Amino acid sequence: MHDVTSLLTAVDQVASRLRALPQSRLRQGAAAEGLALARELTARAQRAEFGAVRYELPDVGEFVVGDQVAVAGIDLAEALRAAPSEEEAARELDEALRLLASAAARI
């Protein structure tokens, strides 16, 4: 089992920030940024778990994008926690943390 605490912490911070934003900020691009992040985290989780992307996370509205980031991040964390390769899990974890930090800076 790989330690994914840093990923879960970063996901929680970004998701909480999105949940707290006013509608005006969400409409000015934060929701789109959050959805793009959630979709990327979902794709990474699917590749880690199934070896391929099976579906794209749908756009279900600006008010749930924080929850989508949270769920996608937790899915990725669980997939990395169970990954057979320590090296691959560490690389994916680093990339996910960079994605989260970059998205957080733009939100």
C-alpha atoms as a PDB file:
ATOM      1  CA  MET A   1       0.000   0.000   0.000  1.00  0.00           C
ATOM      2  CA  HIS A   2       1.303   3.379  -1.037  1.00  0.00           C
ATOM      3  CA  ASP A   3       0.951   6.519   1.061  1.00  0.00           C
ATOM      4  CA  VAL A   4      -1.443   8.902  -0.692  1.00  0.00           C
ATOM      5  CA  THR A   5      -2.042  11.292   2.198  1.00  0.00           C
ATOM      6  CA  SER A   6      -0.512  14.240   0.347  1.00  0.00           C
ATOM      7  CA  LEU A   7      -2.840  13.645  -2.608  1.00  0.00           C
ATOM      8  CA  LEU A   8      -5.925  13.410  -0.416  1.00  0.00           C
ATOM      9  CA  THR A   9      -4.944  16.626   1.384  1.00  0.00           C
ATOM     10  CA  ALA A  10      -4.400  18.526  -1.867  1.00  0.00           C
ATOM     11  CA  VAL A  11      -7.677  17.229  -3.331  1.00  0.00           C
ATOM     12  CA  ASP A  12      -9.566  18.270  -0.217  1.00  0.00           C
ATOM     13  CA  GLN A  13      -8.101  21.777  -0.355  1.00  0.00           C
ATOM     14  CA  VAL A  14      -9.009  22.332  -4.011  1.00  0.00           C
ATOM     15  CA  ALA A  15     -12.469  20.793  -3.620  1.00  0.00           C
ATOM     16  CA  SER A  16     -13.194  22.899  -0.535  1.00  0.00           C
ATOM     17  CA  ARG A  17     -12.087  26.033  -2.317  1.00  0.00           C
ATOM     18  CA  LEU A  18     -14.370  25.315  -5.270  1.00  0.00           C
ATOM     19  CA  ARG A  19     -17.295  24.593  -2.966  1.00  0.00           C
ATOM     20  CA  ALA A  20     -16.805  27.948  -1.227  1.00  0.00           C
ATOM     21  CA  LEU A  21     -16.628  30.126  -4.339  1.00  0.00           C
ATOM     22  CA  PRO A  22     -19.534  32.399  -5.206  1.00  0.00           C
ATOM     23  CA  GLN A  23     -21.480  31.700  -8.378  1.00  0.00           C
ATOM     24  CA  SER A  24     -19.901  34.674 -10.134  1.00  0.00           C
ATOM     25  CA  ARG A  25     -16.380  33.217  -9.711  1.00  0.00           C
ATOM     26  CA  LEU A  26     -17.555  29.786 -10.786  1.00  0.00           C
ATOM     27  CA  ARG A  27     -19.013  31.284 -13.961  1.00  0.00           C
ATOM     28  CA  GLN A  28     -15.860  33.303 -14.629  1.00  0.00           C
ATOM     29  CA  GLY A  29     -13.937  30.098 -15.220  1.00  0.00           C
ATOM     30  CA  ALA A  30     -13.369  28.405 -11.895  1.00  0.00           C
ATOM     31  CA  ALA A  31     -16.040  25.775 -12.601  1.00  0.00           C
ATOM     32  CA  ALA A  32     -14.538  25.002 -16.010  1.00  0.00           C
ATOM     33  CA  GLU A  33     -11.100  24.741 -14.455  1.00  0.00           C
ATOM     34  CA  GLY A  34     -12.431  22.446 -11.743  1.00  0.00           C
ATOM     35  CA  LEU A  35     -14.221  20.240 -14.258  1.00  0.00           C
ATOM     36  CA  ALA A  36     -11.085  19.928 -16.389  1.00  0.00           C
ATOM     37  CA  LEU A  37      -9.142  18.938 -13.267  1.00  0.00           C
ATOM     38  CA  ALA A  38     -11.780  16.408 -12.193  1.00  0.00           C
ATOM     39  CA  ARG A  39     -11.804  14.890 -15.678  1.00  0.00           C
ATOM     40  CA  GLU A  40      -8.026  14.566 -15.705  1.00  0.00           C
ATOM     41  CA  LEU A  41      -7.972  12.973 -12.248  1.00  0.00           C
ATOM     42  CA  THR A  42     -10.724  10.577 -13.341  1.00  0.00           C
ATOM     43  CA  ALA A  43      -8.833   9.611 -16.482  1.00  0.00           C
ATOM     44  CA  ARG A  44      -5.686   8.971 -14.460  1.00  0.00           C
ATOM     45  CA  ALA A  45      -7.600   6.864 -11.945  1.00  0.00           C
ATOM     46  CA  GLN A  46      -9.128   4.786 -14.733  1.00  0.00           C
ATOM     47  CA  ARG A  47      -5.754   4.234 -16.407  1.00  0.00           C
ATOM     48  CA  ALA A  48      -4.226   3.198 -13.087  1.00  0.00           C
ATOM     49  CA  GLU A  49      -7.073   0.832 -12.262  1.00  0.00           C
ATOM     50  CA  PHE A  50      -8.183  -0.514 -15.663  1.00  0.00           C
ATOM     51  CA  GLY A  51      -5.318   0.333 -18.000  1.00  0.00           C
ATOM     52  CA  ALA A  52      -7.574   2.521 -20.149  1.00  0.00           C
ATOM     53  CA  VAL A  53     -10.053   5.375 -19.915  1.00  0.00           C
ATOM     54  CA  ARG A  54     -13.594   3.988 -19.960  1.00  0.00           C
ATOM     55  CA  TYR A  55     -15.690   7.138 -19.614  1.00  0.00           C
ATOM     56  CA  GLU A  56     -15.480  10.913 -19.323  1.00  0.00           C
ATOM     57  CA  LEU A  57     -16.789  12.651 -16.259  1.00  0.00           C
ATOM     58  CA  PRO A  58     -19.945  14.555 -17.280  1.00  0.00           C
ATOM     59  CA  ASP A  59     -20.559  18.253 -16.818  1.00  0.00           C
ATOM     60  CA  VAL A  60     -23.399  18.294 -14.285  1.00  0.00           C
ATOM     61  CA  GLY A  61     -23.195  21.951 -13.341  1.00  0.00           C
ATOM     62  CA  GLU A  62     -21.040  24.534 -11.670  1.00  0.00           C
ATOM     63  CA  PHE A  63     -22.343  23.910  -8.161  1.00  0.00           C
ATOM     64  CA  VAL A  64     -21.126  20.308  -7.975  1.00  0.00           C
ATOM     65  CA  VAL A  65     -17.679  20.712  -9.495  1.00  0.00           C
ATOM     66  CA  GLY A  66     -16.047  20.738  -6.047  1.00  0.00           C
ATOM     67  CA  ASP A  67     -17.652  17.382  -5.304  1.00  0.00           C
ATOM     68  CA  GLN A  68     -16.511  16.057  -8.670  1.00  0.00           C
ATOM     69  CA  VAL A  69     -12.921  17.016  -7.878  1.00  0.00           C
ATOM     70  CA  ALA A  70     -13.212  15.340  -4.482  1.00  0.00           C
ATOM     71  CA  VAL A  71     -14.610  12.085  -5.862  1.00  0.00           C
ATOM     72  CA  ALA A  72     -12.149  11.959  -8.761  1.00  0.00           C
ATOM     73  CA  GLY A  73      -9.224  12.640  -6.428  1.00  0.00           C
ATOM     74  CA  ILE A  74     -10.296   9.963  -3.974  1.00  0.00           C
ATOM     75  CA  ASP A  75     -10.702   7.478  -6.837  1.00  0.00           C
ATOM     76  CA  LEU A  76      -7.178   8.253  -8.007  1.00  0.00           C
ATOM     77  CA  ALA A  77      -5.791   7.972  -4.485  1.00  0.00           C
ATOM     78  CA  GLU A  78      -7.382   4.539  -4.052  1.00  0.00           C
ATOM     79  CA  ALA A  79      -6.098   3.373  -7.439  1.00  0.00           C
ATOM     80  CA  LEU A  80      -2.578   4.529  -6.559  1.00  0.00           C
ATOM     81  CA  ARG A  81      -2.764   3.052  -3.075  1.00  0.00           C
ATOM     82  CA  ALA A  82      -3.375  -0.372  -4.628  1.00  0.00           C
ATOM     83  CA  ALA A  83      -0.965   0.032  -7.556  1.00  0.00           C
ATOM     84  CA  PRO A  84       1.429  -2.903  -7.877  1.00  0.00           C
ATOM     85  CA  SER A  85       4.411  -0.731  -8.861  1.00  0.00           C
ATOM     86  CA  GLU A  86       5.837   1.602  -6.216  1.00  0.00           C
ATOM     87  CA  GLU A  87       7.742   3.485  -8.903  1.00  0.00           C
ATOM     88  CA  GLU A  88       4.673   4.026 -11.102  1.00  0.00           C
ATOM     89  CA  ALA A  89       2.526   5.042  -8.122  1.00  0.00           C
ATOM     90  CA  ALA A  90       5.141   7.576  -6.993  1.00  0.00           C
ATOM     91  CA  ARG A  91       5.369   9.062 -10.505  1.00  0.00           C
ATOM     92  CA  GLU A  92       1.587   9.314 -10.838  1.00  0.00           C
ATOM     93  CA  LEU A  93       1.317  10.816  -7.355  1.00  0.00           C
ATOM     94  CA  ASP A  94       3.865  13.510  -8.207  1.00  0.00           C
ATOM     95  CA  GLU A  95       2.083  14.341 -11.462  1.00  0.00           C
ATOM     96  CA  ALA A  96      -1.301  14.522  -9.738  1.00  0.00           C
ATOM     97  CA  LEU A  97       0.078  16.861  -7.075  1.00  0.00           C
ATOM     98  CA  ARG A  98       1.494  19.136  -9.789  1.00  0.00           C
ATOM     99  CA  LEU A  99      -1.869  19.154 -11.581  1.00  0.00           C
ATOM    100  CA  LEU A 100      -3.677  20.071  -8.368  1.00  0.00           C
ATOM    101  CA  ALA A 101      -1.219  22.847  -7.515  1.00  0.00           C
ATOM    102  CA  SER A 102      -1.435  24.278 -11.020  1.00  0.00           C
ATOM    103  CA  ALA A 103      -5.241  24.191 -11.034  1.00  0.00           C
ATOM    104  CA  ALA A 104      -5.401  25.698  -7.547  1.00  0.00           C
ATOM    105  CA  ALA A 105      -3.322  28.639  -8.735  1.00  0.00           C
ATOM    106  CA  ARG A 106      -5.798  29.308 -11.546  1.00  0.00           C
ATOM    107  CA  ILE A 107      -8.980  28.905  -9.488  1.00  0.00           C
END
